Amino acid sequence: MIERLGYLMSSCAGYETPLQHLLTHIPPNIATRDSRAVVGGYRERSTHQIITQQIFVAHQSFDYTALVDLVEHADEYPAWSHVFLLHDTMELSPDSDQLIRTADPSLDCVAVWGGECNLALYRVDYLLSKRQAILALKDCTKLDAVTAEGFLWRQLPPERRGTYPGGIDIAYAEPIYGGVERQKVVYTGVGITKYKANWGQVWPPNVVTP
């Protein structure tokens, strides 16, 4: 059972609506104590309390925005042993926190569905050991971010990584945030929903508006 768990959320300027939706689907005790939202696309780094602590940063690194800030400013984060990475177009169910905490705490990374969308639990000491590889994705393109999905899990030997049980359920597509149509993907093993924009309309993936 994971005890010292933090939730990291990557977002960007202009995605206030999706981020607000995610934050309203996180238990209040987690939102106020054990989560950080890192929002890219600002002129300088600053901290704000908007439901949770939001850190505005001067880079846009898509799924990696929060991990970049964590490894750059680790001393400013709580003493978490593990972090679970989310991004703004996701939604937790009431059971998600309990399901996420069941992972083996000794593993460096436990991924959901092979690390798709970088949805995974990471040991903080492992992330810090991969600082340079993570910083190499600072200010990356959307295509770079998608191409690198799951690399922190994939590069580990089998004995140092795990996989959450369950599969995926794919439902309807709708413009949930009022913009592009998004496919509803439910990762059943952790009860997390992802509203996915890049699901077959275009390649390379380039949908960057809500």
N, C-alpha and C. Protein backbone atom coordinates (compact mmCIF):
# COMPACT_ATOMS: atom_id res chain seq x y z
N MET A 1 0.84 -1.20 0.00
CA MET A 1 0.00 0.00 0.00
C MET A 1 0.88 1.25 0.00
N ILE A 2 0.59 2.17 -0.89
CA ILE A 2 1.35 3.41 -0.99
C ILE A 2 0.82 4.38 0.07
N GLU A 3 1.69 4.88 0.92
CA GLU A 3 1.27 5.80 1.98
C GLU A 3 1.53 7.26 1.59
N ARG A 4 2.77 7.59 1.25
CA ARG A 4 3.13 8.99 0.96
C ARG A 4 3.01 9.26 -0.54
N LEU A 5 1.76 9.37 -0.97
CA LEU A 5 1.45 9.50 -2.39
C LEU A 5 1.01 10.92 -2.73
N GLY A 6 1.59 11.46 -3.78
CA GLY A 6 1.16 12.75 -4.30
C GLY A 6 0.64 12.60 -5.71
N TYR A 7 -0.27 13.48 -6.09
CA TYR A 7 -0.81 13.50 -7.45
C TYR A 7 -0.24 14.71 -8.18
N LEU A 8 0.36 14.47 -9.32
CA LEU A 8 0.90 15.54 -10.16
C LEU A 8 0.04 15.66 -11.41
N MET A 9 -0.35 16.88 -11.75
CA MET A 9 -1.19 17.13 -12.91
C MET A 9 -0.50 18.10 -13.84
N SER A 10 -0.38 17.73 -15.10
CA SER A 10 0.18 18.63 -16.11
C SER A 10 -0.96 19.35 -16.83
N SER A 11 -0.79 20.65 -17.03
CA SER A 11 -1.79 21.43 -17.75
C SER A 11 -1.06 22.57 -18.47
N CYS A 12 -1.84 23.43 -19.12
CA CYS A 12 -1.23 24.57 -19.80
C CYS A 12 -2.22 25.73 -19.82
N ALA A 13 -1.70 26.93 -20.02
CA ALA A 13 -2.54 28.12 -20.09
C ALA A 13 -3.59 27.93 -21.18
N GLY A 14 -4.83 28.29 -20.87
CA GLY A 14 -5.92 28.10 -21.80
C GLY A 14 -6.74 26.85 -21.53
N TYR A 15 -6.24 26.00 -20.64
CA TYR A 15 -6.94 24.75 -20.31
C TYR A 15 -7.58 24.82 -18.93
N GLU A 16 -8.03 26.01 -18.55
CA GLU A 16 -8.63 26.17 -17.23
C GLU A 16 -9.87 25.30 -17.06
N THR A 17 -10.68 25.16 -18.11
CA THR A 17 -11.92 24.37 -18.00
C THR A 17 -11.63 22.90 -17.76
N PRO A 18 -10.77 22.24 -18.56
CA PRO A 18 -10.44 20.85 -18.24
C PRO A 18 -9.81 20.68 -16.87
N LEU A 19 -8.90 21.57 -16.49
CA LEU A 19 -8.24 21.43 -15.20
C LEU A 19 -9.26 21.57 -14.07
N GLN A 20 -10.17 22.52 -14.17
CA GLN A 20 -11.21 22.68 -13.16
C GLN A 20 -12.05 21.40 -13.06
N HIS A 21 -12.36 20.79 -14.21
CA HIS A 21 -13.14 19.55 -14.21
C HIS A 21 -12.38 18.45 -13.47
N LEU A 22 -11.08 18.31 -13.74
CA LEU A 22 -10.28 17.31 -13.05
C LEU A 22 -10.25 17.57 -11.55
N LEU A 23 -10.01 18.81 -11.17
CA LEU A 23 -9.86 19.13 -9.74
C LEU A 23 -11.14 18.91 -8.96
N THR A 24 -12.28 19.03 -9.62
CA THR A 24 -13.55 18.77 -8.92
C THR A 24 -13.85 17.28 -8.82
N HIS A 25 -13.00 16.45 -9.44
CA HIS A 25 -13.16 14.99 -9.34
C HIS A 25 -12.00 14.37 -8.56
N ILE A 26 -11.40 15.13 -7.69
CA ILE A 26 -10.37 14.65 -6.77
C ILE A 26 -10.88 14.85 -5.35
N PRO A 27 -10.75 13.83 -4.48
CA PRO A 27 -11.21 14.00 -3.10
C PRO A 27 -10.63 15.26 -2.47
N PRO A 28 -11.43 16.02 -1.72
CA PRO A 28 -10.96 17.30 -1.17
C PRO A 28 -9.68 17.20 -0.36
N ASN A 29 -9.50 16.12 0.42
CA ASN A 29 -8.29 16.02 1.24
C ASN A 29 -7.05 15.89 0.37
N ILE A 30 -7.18 15.26 -0.80
CA ILE A 30 -6.05 15.14 -1.72
C ILE A 30 -5.79 16.48 -2.40
N ALA A 31 -6.85 17.14 -2.83
CA ALA A 31 -6.69 18.41 -3.54
C ALA A 31 -5.99 19.46 -2.67
N THR A 32 -6.31 19.47 -1.39
CA THR A 32 -5.75 20.52 -0.54
C THR A 32 -4.36 20.17 0.01
N ARG A 33 -4.02 18.87 0.04
CA ARG A 33 -2.77 18.49 0.70
C ARG A 33 -1.81 17.75 -0.22
N ASP A 34 -2.30 16.80 -0.98
CA ASP A 34 -1.42 15.86 -1.67
C ASP A 34 -1.54 15.93 -3.18
N SER A 35 -1.63 17.11 -3.73
CA SER A 35 -1.60 17.25 -5.18
C SER A 35 -0.98 18.59 -5.57
N ARG A 36 -0.46 18.62 -6.78
CA ARG A 36 0.05 19.85 -7.38
C ARG A 36 -0.33 19.84 -8.86
N ALA A 37 -0.82 20.96 -9.34
CA ALA A 37 -1.09 21.13 -10.77
C ALA A 37 -0.03 22.07 -11.32
N VAL A 38 0.69 21.63 -12.34
CA VAL A 38 1.75 22.43 -12.95
C VAL A 38 1.24 22.88 -14.32
N VAL A 39 1.14 24.19 -14.49
CA VAL A 39 0.48 24.77 -15.66
C VAL A 39 1.50 25.50 -16.51
N GLY A 40 1.73 25.02 -17.71
CA GLY A 40 2.74 25.60 -18.58
C GLY A 40 2.23 26.79 -19.38
N GLY A 41 3.17 27.53 -19.97
CA GLY A 41 2.82 28.60 -20.89
C GLY A 41 2.83 30.00 -20.30
N TYR A 42 3.45 30.19 -19.15
CA TYR A 42 3.50 31.51 -18.51
C TYR A 42 4.89 32.13 -18.65
N ARG A 43 5.00 33.40 -18.31
CA ARG A 43 6.26 34.12 -18.47
C ARG A 43 7.30 33.74 -17.41
N GLU A 44 6.81 33.42 -16.21
CA GLU A 44 7.72 33.08 -15.13
C GLU A 44 7.04 32.12 -14.17
N ARG A 45 7.81 31.49 -13.33
CA ARG A 45 7.28 30.52 -12.39
C ARG A 45 6.66 31.24 -11.20
N SER A 46 5.44 30.85 -10.83
CA SER A 46 4.75 31.43 -9.68
C SER A 46 3.77 30.40 -9.14
N THR A 47 3.37 30.57 -7.90
CA THR A 47 2.50 29.61 -7.22
C THR A 47 1.20 30.27 -6.81
N HIS A 48 0.09 29.52 -6.98
CA HIS A 48 -1.25 30.04 -6.71
C HIS A 48 -2.08 28.94 -6.06
N GLN A 49 -2.97 29.32 -5.16
CA GLN A 49 -3.87 28.36 -4.54
C GLN A 49 -5.24 28.49 -5.20
N ILE A 50 -5.55 27.56 -6.12
CA ILE A 50 -6.82 27.54 -6.83
C ILE A 50 -7.33 26.10 -6.74
N ILE A 51 -8.09 25.81 -5.71
CA ILE A 51 -8.53 24.47 -5.30
C ILE A 51 -7.35 23.67 -4.76
N THR A 52 -6.31 23.51 -5.58
CA THR A 52 -5.06 22.90 -5.13
C THR A 52 -3.95 23.91 -5.36
N GLN A 53 -2.74 23.56 -4.99
CA GLN A 53 -1.63 24.44 -5.30
C GLN A 53 -1.31 24.30 -6.79
N GLN A 54 -1.41 25.41 -7.51
CA GLN A 54 -1.09 25.43 -8.93
C GLN A 54 0.21 26.19 -9.14
N ILE A 55 1.10 25.59 -9.89
CA ILE A 55 2.39 26.18 -10.17
C ILE A 55 2.44 26.56 -11.63
N PHE A 56 2.47 27.86 -11.90
CA PHE A 56 2.56 28.34 -13.28
C PHE A 56 4.04 28.36 -13.66
N VAL A 57 4.37 27.82 -14.83
CA VAL A 57 5.77 27.71 -15.22
C VAL A 57 6.00 28.28 -16.62
N ALA A 58 7.25 28.62 -16.89
CA ALA A 58 7.61 29.30 -18.15
C ALA A 58 8.09 28.30 -19.20
N HIS A 59 7.37 27.20 -19.31
CA HIS A 59 7.62 26.26 -20.40
C HIS A 59 6.33 25.49 -20.65
N GLN A 60 6.26 24.85 -21.79
CA GLN A 60 5.10 24.03 -22.15
C GLN A 60 5.65 22.70 -22.62
N SER A 61 5.47 21.68 -21.79
CA SER A 61 6.06 20.37 -22.07
C SER A 61 5.00 19.26 -22.11
N PHE A 62 3.75 19.67 -22.33
CA PHE A 62 2.63 18.74 -22.51
C PHE A 62 2.56 17.76 -21.32
N ASP A 63 2.52 16.45 -21.59
CA ASP A 63 2.36 15.49 -20.48
C ASP A 63 3.50 15.58 -19.47
N TYR A 64 4.64 16.13 -19.88
CA TYR A 64 5.83 16.14 -19.02
C TYR A 64 5.98 17.43 -18.22
N THR A 65 5.05 18.36 -18.35
CA THR A 65 5.19 19.65 -17.67
C THR A 65 5.38 19.48 -16.17
N ALA A 66 4.56 18.64 -15.55
CA ALA A 66 4.65 18.47 -14.09
C ALA A 66 5.93 17.74 -13.69
N LEU A 67 6.33 16.74 -14.46
CA LEU A 67 7.56 16.01 -14.11
C LEU A 67 8.79 16.90 -14.23
N VAL A 68 8.81 17.78 -15.25
CA VAL A 68 9.93 18.71 -15.40
C VAL A 68 10.04 19.59 -14.16
N ASP A 69 8.91 20.12 -13.70
CA ASP A 69 8.97 21.00 -12.52
C ASP A 69 9.38 20.22 -11.28
N LEU A 70 8.90 19.01 -11.14
CA LEU A 70 9.26 18.21 -9.97
C LEU A 70 10.77 17.99 -9.90
N VAL A 71 11.39 17.59 -11.00
CA VAL A 71 12.82 17.30 -10.93
C VAL A 71 13.65 18.57 -10.87
N GLU A 72 13.11 19.69 -11.35
CA GLU A 72 13.85 20.96 -11.24
C GLU A 72 13.74 21.57 -9.86
N HIS A 73 12.63 21.34 -9.17
CA HIS A 73 12.37 22.02 -7.88
C HIS A 73 11.93 21.01 -6.83
N ALA A 74 12.61 19.87 -6.76
CA ALA A 74 12.20 18.79 -5.86
C ALA A 74 12.13 19.23 -4.41
N ASP A 75 12.99 20.15 -4.01
CA ASP A 75 13.01 20.58 -2.61
C ASP A 75 11.79 21.41 -2.23
N GLU A 76 10.99 21.85 -3.21
CA GLU A 76 9.79 22.63 -2.93
C GLU A 76 8.53 21.77 -2.86
N TYR A 77 8.68 20.49 -3.08
CA TYR A 77 7.54 19.58 -3.05
C TYR A 77 7.48 18.84 -1.72
N PRO A 78 6.30 18.35 -1.34
CA PRO A 78 6.20 17.54 -0.11
C PRO A 78 7.08 16.30 -0.19
N ALA A 79 7.30 15.67 0.94
CA ALA A 79 8.17 14.50 1.02
C ALA A 79 7.40 13.24 0.60
N TRP A 80 6.91 13.25 -0.62
CA TRP A 80 6.20 12.09 -1.15
C TRP A 80 7.21 11.00 -1.52
N SER A 81 6.84 9.75 -1.31
CA SER A 81 7.67 8.64 -1.79
C SER A 81 7.33 8.30 -3.23
N HIS A 82 6.07 8.55 -3.62
CA HIS A 82 5.58 8.22 -4.95
C HIS A 82 4.71 9.37 -5.46
N VAL A 83 4.65 9.49 -6.79
CA VAL A 83 3.69 10.40 -7.40
C VAL A 83 2.94 9.65 -8.50
N PHE A 84 1.69 10.02 -8.66
CA PHE A 84 0.89 9.49 -9.75
C PHE A 84 0.65 10.63 -10.71
N LEU A 85 1.02 10.41 -11.98
CA LEU A 85 0.96 11.48 -12.97
C LEU A 85 -0.38 11.49 -13.70
N LEU A 86 -1.02 12.65 -13.70
CA LEU A 86 -2.27 12.87 -14.43
C LEU A 86 -2.06 14.04 -15.38
N HIS A 87 -2.99 14.25 -16.29
CA HIS A 87 -3.06 15.55 -16.92
C HIS A 87 -4.50 16.00 -17.04
N ASP A 88 -4.66 17.25 -17.44
CA ASP A 88 -5.91 17.96 -17.18
C ASP A 88 -7.15 17.35 -17.81
N THR A 89 -7.02 16.58 -18.86
CA THR A 89 -8.20 16.03 -19.51
C THR A 89 -8.56 14.65 -18.97
N MET A 90 -8.30 14.46 -17.69
CA MET A 90 -8.63 13.21 -17.02
C MET A 90 -9.66 13.46 -15.93
N GLU A 91 -10.14 12.36 -15.37
CA GLU A 91 -11.17 12.43 -14.32
C GLU A 91 -11.01 11.20 -13.43
N LEU A 92 -10.96 11.39 -12.12
CA LEU A 92 -10.87 10.28 -11.18
C LEU A 92 -12.26 9.84 -10.74
N SER A 93 -12.40 8.56 -10.46
CA SER A 93 -13.64 8.04 -9.88
C SER A 93 -13.49 8.02 -8.36
N PRO A 94 -14.56 7.78 -7.62
CA PRO A 94 -14.45 7.72 -6.16
C PRO A 94 -13.51 6.62 -5.67
N ASP A 95 -13.28 5.58 -6.48
CA ASP A 95 -12.42 4.47 -6.07
C ASP A 95 -10.97 4.62 -6.51
N SER A 96 -10.66 5.64 -7.30
CA SER A 96 -9.34 5.72 -7.92
C SER A 96 -8.21 5.75 -6.91
N ASP A 97 -8.33 6.57 -5.89
CA ASP A 97 -7.22 6.71 -4.94
C ASP A 97 -6.90 5.38 -4.28
N GLN A 98 -7.92 4.65 -3.84
CA GLN A 98 -7.70 3.35 -3.21
C GLN A 98 -7.07 2.36 -4.17
N LEU A 99 -7.54 2.34 -5.42
CA LEU A 99 -6.99 1.42 -6.42
C LEU A 99 -5.54 1.74 -6.74
N ILE A 100 -5.22 3.01 -6.86
CA ILE A 100 -3.85 3.43 -7.17
C ILE A 100 -2.89 3.02 -6.06
N ARG A 101 -3.32 3.13 -4.82
CA ARG A 101 -2.45 2.85 -3.67
C ARG A 101 -2.16 1.37 -3.48
N THR A 102 -2.85 0.48 -4.20
CA THR A 102 -2.61 -0.96 -4.03
C THR A 102 -1.34 -1.43 -4.73
N ALA A 103 -0.69 -0.60 -5.49
CA ALA A 103 0.51 -1.01 -6.23
C ALA A 103 1.65 -1.38 -5.29
N ASP A 104 2.56 -2.19 -5.79
CA ASP A 104 3.75 -2.57 -5.04
C ASP A 104 4.67 -1.35 -4.88
N PRO A 105 4.88 -0.88 -3.66
CA PRO A 105 5.66 0.36 -3.47
C PRO A 105 7.14 0.21 -3.78
N SER A 106 7.63 -1.02 -3.92
CA SER A 106 9.05 -1.21 -4.18
C SER A 106 9.41 -1.01 -5.65
N LEU A 107 8.41 -1.03 -6.55
CA LEU A 107 8.68 -0.91 -7.98
C LEU A 107 8.92 0.54 -8.36
N ASP A 108 9.80 0.77 -9.33
CA ASP A 108 10.11 2.13 -9.76
C ASP A 108 8.95 2.79 -10.50
N CYS A 109 8.19 1.99 -11.24
CA CYS A 109 7.06 2.53 -12.01
C CYS A 109 6.02 1.44 -12.18
N VAL A 110 4.76 1.82 -11.95
CA VAL A 110 3.63 0.93 -12.20
C VAL A 110 2.71 1.66 -13.16
N ALA A 111 2.57 1.12 -14.36
CA ALA A 111 1.89 1.83 -15.43
C ALA A 111 0.46 1.35 -15.59
N VAL A 112 -0.35 2.24 -16.15
CA VAL A 112 -1.70 1.92 -16.56
C VAL A 112 -1.68 1.72 -18.08
N TRP A 113 -2.07 0.53 -18.53
CA TRP A 113 -2.17 0.24 -19.96
C TRP A 113 -0.87 0.59 -20.71
N GLY A 114 0.26 0.10 -20.17
CA GLY A 114 1.53 0.29 -20.85
C GLY A 114 2.07 1.71 -20.80
N GLY A 115 1.55 2.53 -19.89
CA GLY A 115 2.02 3.90 -19.78
C GLY A 115 1.41 4.84 -20.80
N GLU A 116 0.28 4.43 -21.39
CA GLU A 116 -0.40 5.33 -22.33
C GLU A 116 -0.72 6.65 -21.64
N CYS A 117 -0.49 7.74 -22.34
CA CYS A 117 -0.68 9.10 -21.80
C CYS A 117 0.19 9.34 -20.56
N ASN A 118 1.24 8.52 -20.40
CA ASN A 118 2.13 8.62 -19.23
C ASN A 118 1.38 8.42 -17.92
N LEU A 119 0.27 7.74 -17.98
CA LEU A 119 -0.55 7.47 -16.80
C LEU A 119 0.12 6.37 -16.00
N ALA A 120 0.75 6.75 -14.88
CA ALA A 120 1.54 5.77 -14.12
C ALA A 120 1.87 6.31 -12.74
N LEU A 121 2.23 5.38 -11.88
CA LEU A 121 2.75 5.66 -10.55
C LEU A 121 4.27 5.57 -10.61
N TYR A 122 4.96 6.57 -10.07
CA TYR A 122 6.42 6.61 -10.12
C TYR A 122 6.98 6.78 -8.71
N ARG A 123 8.05 6.08 -8.41
CA ARG A 123 8.82 6.41 -7.22
C ARG A 123 9.53 7.73 -7.47
N VAL A 124 9.52 8.61 -6.48
CA VAL A 124 10.16 9.91 -6.66
C VAL A 124 11.66 9.76 -6.83
N ASP A 125 12.27 8.83 -6.09
CA ASP A 125 13.72 8.67 -6.25
C ASP A 125 14.08 8.18 -7.66
N TYR A 126 13.21 7.41 -8.26
CA TYR A 126 13.45 6.99 -9.65
C TYR A 126 13.37 8.18 -10.59
N LEU A 127 12.36 9.03 -10.42
CA LEU A 127 12.24 10.22 -11.27
C LEU A 127 13.46 11.11 -11.14
N LEU A 128 13.93 11.29 -9.93
CA LEU A 128 15.10 12.15 -9.74
C LEU A 128 16.35 11.53 -10.39
N SER A 129 16.41 10.22 -10.42
CA SER A 129 17.55 9.57 -11.09
C SER A 129 17.50 9.75 -12.60
N LYS A 130 16.31 10.06 -13.14
CA LYS A 130 16.11 10.27 -14.56
C LYS A 130 15.96 11.76 -14.90
N ARG A 131 16.52 12.61 -14.04
CA ARG A 131 16.35 14.05 -14.18
C ARG A 131 16.74 14.55 -15.57
N GLN A 132 17.89 14.15 -16.07
CA GLN A 132 18.36 14.67 -17.36
C GLN A 132 17.47 14.22 -18.51
N ALA A 133 17.00 12.99 -18.47
CA ALA A 133 16.11 12.50 -19.53
C ALA A 133 14.78 13.24 -19.52
N ILE A 134 14.30 13.58 -18.33
CA ILE A 134 13.04 14.32 -18.23
C ILE A 134 13.25 15.77 -18.69
N LEU A 135 14.34 16.38 -18.27
CA LEU A 135 14.61 17.76 -18.67
C LEU A 135 14.85 17.89 -20.18
N ALA A 136 15.25 16.81 -20.81
CA ALA A 136 15.43 16.85 -22.27
C ALA A 136 14.10 17.07 -22.99
N LEU A 137 12.98 16.84 -22.29
CA LEU A 137 11.64 17.04 -22.88
C LEU A 137 11.04 18.40 -22.52
N LYS A 138 11.80 19.24 -21.86
CA LYS A 138 11.32 20.57 -21.52
C LYS A 138 11.11 21.38 -22.79
N ASP A 139 9.92 21.97 -22.92
CA ASP A 139 9.53 22.72 -24.11
C ASP A 139 9.52 21.87 -25.38
N CYS A 140 9.17 20.60 -25.21
CA CYS A 140 9.09 19.71 -26.37
C CYS A 140 7.85 20.02 -27.20
N THR A 141 7.78 19.44 -28.39
CA THR A 141 6.59 19.57 -29.22
C THR A 141 5.56 18.53 -28.78
N LYS A 142 4.32 18.71 -29.25
CA LYS A 142 3.29 17.73 -28.96
C LYS A 142 3.68 16.36 -29.51
N LEU A 143 4.23 16.32 -30.70
CA LEU A 143 4.65 15.05 -31.29
C LEU A 143 5.75 14.40 -30.47
N ASP A 144 6.71 15.19 -29.99
CA ASP A 144 7.78 14.65 -29.14
C ASP A 144 7.20 14.02 -27.88
N ALA A 145 6.22 14.71 -27.28
CA ALA A 145 5.61 14.21 -26.05
C ALA A 145 4.89 12.89 -26.29
N VAL A 146 4.14 12.81 -27.39
CA VAL A 146 3.41 11.58 -27.70
C VAL A 146 4.38 10.44 -28.02
N THR A 147 5.43 10.74 -28.76
CA THR A 147 6.41 9.72 -29.12
C THR A 147 7.10 9.15 -27.88
N ALA A 148 7.30 9.99 -26.87
CA ALA A 148 7.99 9.56 -25.65
C ALA A 148 7.07 8.92 -24.63
N GLU A 149 5.78 8.84 -24.91
CA GLU A 149 4.83 8.29 -23.94
C GLU A 149 5.32 6.96 -23.37
N GLY A 150 5.33 6.89 -22.04
CA GLY A 150 5.64 5.64 -21.38
C GLY A 150 7.11 5.25 -21.33
N PHE A 151 8.02 6.12 -21.78
CA PHE A 151 9.42 5.70 -21.85
C PHE A 151 10.00 5.44 -20.48
N LEU A 152 9.53 6.13 -19.45
CA LEU A 152 10.06 5.91 -18.11
C LEU A 152 9.70 4.53 -17.57
N TRP A 153 8.61 3.97 -18.06
CA TRP A 153 8.22 2.60 -17.72
C TRP A 153 8.91 1.60 -18.62
N ARG A 154 8.91 1.86 -19.93
CA ARG A 154 9.43 0.89 -20.89
C ARG A 154 10.91 0.59 -20.70
N GLN A 155 11.69 1.59 -20.29
CA GLN A 155 13.14 1.37 -20.22
C GLN A 155 13.57 0.60 -18.97
N LEU A 156 12.65 0.35 -18.07
CA LEU A 156 12.99 -0.39 -16.85
C LEU A 156 13.04 -1.90 -17.14
N PRO A 157 13.91 -2.62 -16.45
CA PRO A 157 13.87 -4.08 -16.55
C PRO A 157 12.58 -4.61 -15.95
N PRO A 158 12.12 -5.78 -16.38
CA PRO A 158 10.83 -6.29 -15.90
C PRO A 158 10.69 -6.36 -14.39
N GLU A 159 11.77 -6.65 -13.69
CA GLU A 159 11.68 -6.78 -12.23
C GLU A 159 11.55 -5.44 -11.51
N ARG A 160 11.73 -4.31 -12.23
CA ARG A 160 11.62 -3.00 -11.60
C ARG A 160 10.35 -2.25 -12.01
N ARG A 161 9.49 -2.88 -12.76
CA ARG A 161 8.27 -2.21 -13.20
C ARG A 161 7.07 -3.12 -13.04
N GLY A 162 5.89 -2.50 -12.98
CA GLY A 162 4.66 -3.26 -12.84
C GLY A 162 3.56 -2.67 -13.71
N THR A 163 2.43 -3.33 -13.70
CA THR A 163 1.28 -2.89 -14.48
C THR A 163 0.03 -3.03 -13.64
N TYR A 164 -0.79 -2.02 -13.62
CA TYR A 164 -2.07 -2.12 -12.94
C TYR A 164 -2.96 -3.11 -13.69
N PRO A 165 -3.82 -3.84 -12.99
CA PRO A 165 -4.74 -4.75 -13.67
C PRO A 165 -5.81 -3.96 -14.42
N GLY A 166 -6.63 -4.70 -15.17
CA GLY A 166 -7.73 -4.05 -15.89
C GLY A 166 -7.35 -3.69 -17.31
N GLY A 167 -8.34 -3.19 -18.04
CA GLY A 167 -8.14 -2.81 -19.42
C GLY A 167 -8.69 -1.43 -19.68
N ILE A 168 -9.19 -1.23 -20.90
CA ILE A 168 -9.79 0.05 -21.24
C ILE A 168 -11.16 -0.17 -21.85
N ASP A 169 -12.07 0.73 -21.55
CA ASP A 169 -13.37 0.79 -22.20
C ASP A 169 -13.43 2.09 -22.98
N ILE A 170 -13.78 2.01 -24.24
CA ILE A 170 -13.86 3.19 -25.09
C ILE A 170 -15.33 3.49 -25.38
N ALA A 171 -15.72 4.69 -25.07
CA ALA A 171 -17.11 5.08 -25.22
C ALA A 171 -17.24 6.14 -26.30
N TYR A 172 -18.23 6.96 -26.18
CA TYR A 172 -18.61 7.96 -27.17
C TYR A 172 -17.56 9.07 -27.30
N ALA A 173 -17.70 9.85 -28.34
CA ALA A 173 -16.90 11.06 -28.52
C ALA A 173 -17.83 12.26 -28.41
N GLU A 174 -17.39 13.27 -27.69
CA GLU A 174 -18.19 14.47 -27.53
C GLU A 174 -17.26 15.64 -27.22
N PRO A 175 -17.71 16.85 -27.48
CA PRO A 175 -16.92 18.04 -27.12
C PRO A 175 -17.16 18.41 -25.66
N ILE A 176 -16.65 17.61 -24.74
CA ILE A 176 -16.98 17.77 -23.32
C ILE A 176 -16.58 19.14 -22.78
N TYR A 177 -15.52 19.72 -23.32
CA TYR A 177 -15.07 21.03 -22.85
C TYR A 177 -15.53 22.15 -23.77
N GLY A 178 -16.41 21.83 -24.71
CA GLY A 178 -16.95 22.84 -25.60
C GLY A 178 -16.15 23.07 -26.86
N GLY A 179 -15.09 22.27 -27.06
CA GLY A 179 -14.25 22.45 -28.24
C GLY A 179 -14.29 21.23 -29.13
N VAL A 180 -13.12 20.59 -29.34
CA VAL A 180 -13.03 19.43 -30.22
C VAL A 180 -13.73 18.22 -29.60
N GLU A 181 -14.15 17.29 -30.46
CA GLU A 181 -14.72 16.05 -29.97
C GLU A 181 -13.63 15.22 -29.31
N ARG A 182 -13.94 14.67 -28.15
CA ARG A 182 -12.98 13.87 -27.41
C ARG A 182 -13.56 12.48 -27.15
N GLN A 183 -12.74 11.49 -27.34
CA GLN A 183 -13.14 10.12 -27.09
C GLN A 183 -13.02 9.83 -25.59
N LYS A 184 -14.04 9.21 -25.03
CA LYS A 184 -14.04 8.87 -23.61
C LYS A 184 -13.39 7.50 -23.43
N VAL A 185 -12.25 7.46 -22.77
CA VAL A 185 -11.50 6.22 -22.54
C VAL A 185 -11.43 6.01 -21.03
N VAL A 186 -11.92 4.86 -20.57
CA VAL A 186 -11.92 4.54 -19.14
C VAL A 186 -10.87 3.46 -18.88
N TYR A 187 -9.91 3.75 -18.02
CA TYR A 187 -8.91 2.79 -17.60
C TYR A 187 -9.45 2.09 -16.36
N THR A 188 -9.96 0.87 -16.57
CA THR A 188 -10.79 0.23 -15.55
C THR A 188 -10.02 -0.16 -14.30
N GLY A 189 -8.73 -0.44 -14.42
CA GLY A 189 -7.96 -0.89 -13.27
C GLY A 189 -7.75 0.17 -12.21
N VAL A 190 -7.85 1.44 -12.61
CA VAL A 190 -7.68 2.55 -11.65
C VAL A 190 -8.88 3.49 -11.64
N GLY A 191 -9.89 3.20 -12.42
CA GLY A 191 -11.10 4.02 -12.42
C GLY A 191 -10.90 5.43 -12.91
N ILE A 192 -9.98 5.61 -13.84
CA ILE A 192 -9.68 6.94 -14.38
C ILE A 192 -10.22 7.05 -15.80
N THR A 193 -10.84 8.19 -16.08
CA THR A 193 -11.34 8.48 -17.42
C THR A 193 -10.43 9.50 -18.08
N LYS A 194 -10.11 9.26 -19.34
CA LYS A 194 -9.36 10.21 -20.15
C LYS A 194 -10.24 10.66 -21.31
N TYR A 195 -10.37 11.97 -21.49
CA TYR A 195 -11.10 12.52 -22.63
C TYR A 195 -10.07 12.87 -23.69
N LYS A 196 -9.90 11.97 -24.66
CA LYS A 196 -8.77 12.00 -25.58
C LYS A 196 -9.13 12.74 -26.87
N ALA A 197 -8.31 13.74 -27.21
CA ALA A 197 -8.53 14.49 -28.45
C ALA A 197 -7.86 13.83 -29.64
N ASN A 198 -6.62 13.38 -29.44
CA ASN A 198 -5.87 12.76 -30.54
C ASN A 198 -6.17 11.27 -30.58
N TRP A 199 -7.25 10.91 -31.25
CA TRP A 199 -7.68 9.50 -31.27
C TRP A 199 -7.98 9.04 -32.69
N GLY A 200 -7.30 9.59 -33.65
CA GLY A 200 -7.45 9.09 -35.00
C GLY A 200 -7.85 10.14 -36.02
N GLN A 201 -8.16 11.37 -35.56
CA GLN A 201 -8.56 12.38 -36.53
C GLN A 201 -7.39 12.82 -37.41
N VAL A 202 -6.22 12.98 -36.80
CA VAL A 202 -5.07 13.51 -37.53
C VAL A 202 -3.80 12.81 -37.07
N TRP A 203 -2.79 12.85 -37.91
CA TRP A 203 -1.44 12.45 -37.53
C TRP A 203 -0.46 13.34 -38.30
N PRO A 204 0.54 13.89 -37.67
CA PRO A 204 0.87 13.71 -36.27
C PRO A 204 -0.14 14.39 -35.35
N PRO A 205 -0.19 13.93 -34.07
CA PRO A 205 -1.16 14.50 -33.14
C PRO A 205 -0.89 15.97 -32.90
N ASN A 206 -1.90 16.78 -33.04
CA ASN A 206 -1.66 18.22 -32.90
C ASN A 206 -2.84 18.96 -32.29
N VAL A 207 -3.77 18.25 -31.68
CA VAL A 207 -4.90 18.94 -31.05
C VAL A 207 -4.44 19.51 -29.72
N VAL A 208 -4.38 20.81 -29.64
CA VAL A 208 -3.85 21.46 -28.44
C VAL A 208 -4.84 22.47 -27.87
N THR A 209 -6.11 22.37 -28.27
CA THR A 209 -7.13 23.25 -27.70
C THR A 209 -8.18 22.39 -27.00
N PRO A 210 -8.85 22.95 -25.97
CA PRO A 210 -9.83 22.14 -25.25
C PRO A 210 -10.94 21.64 -26.17
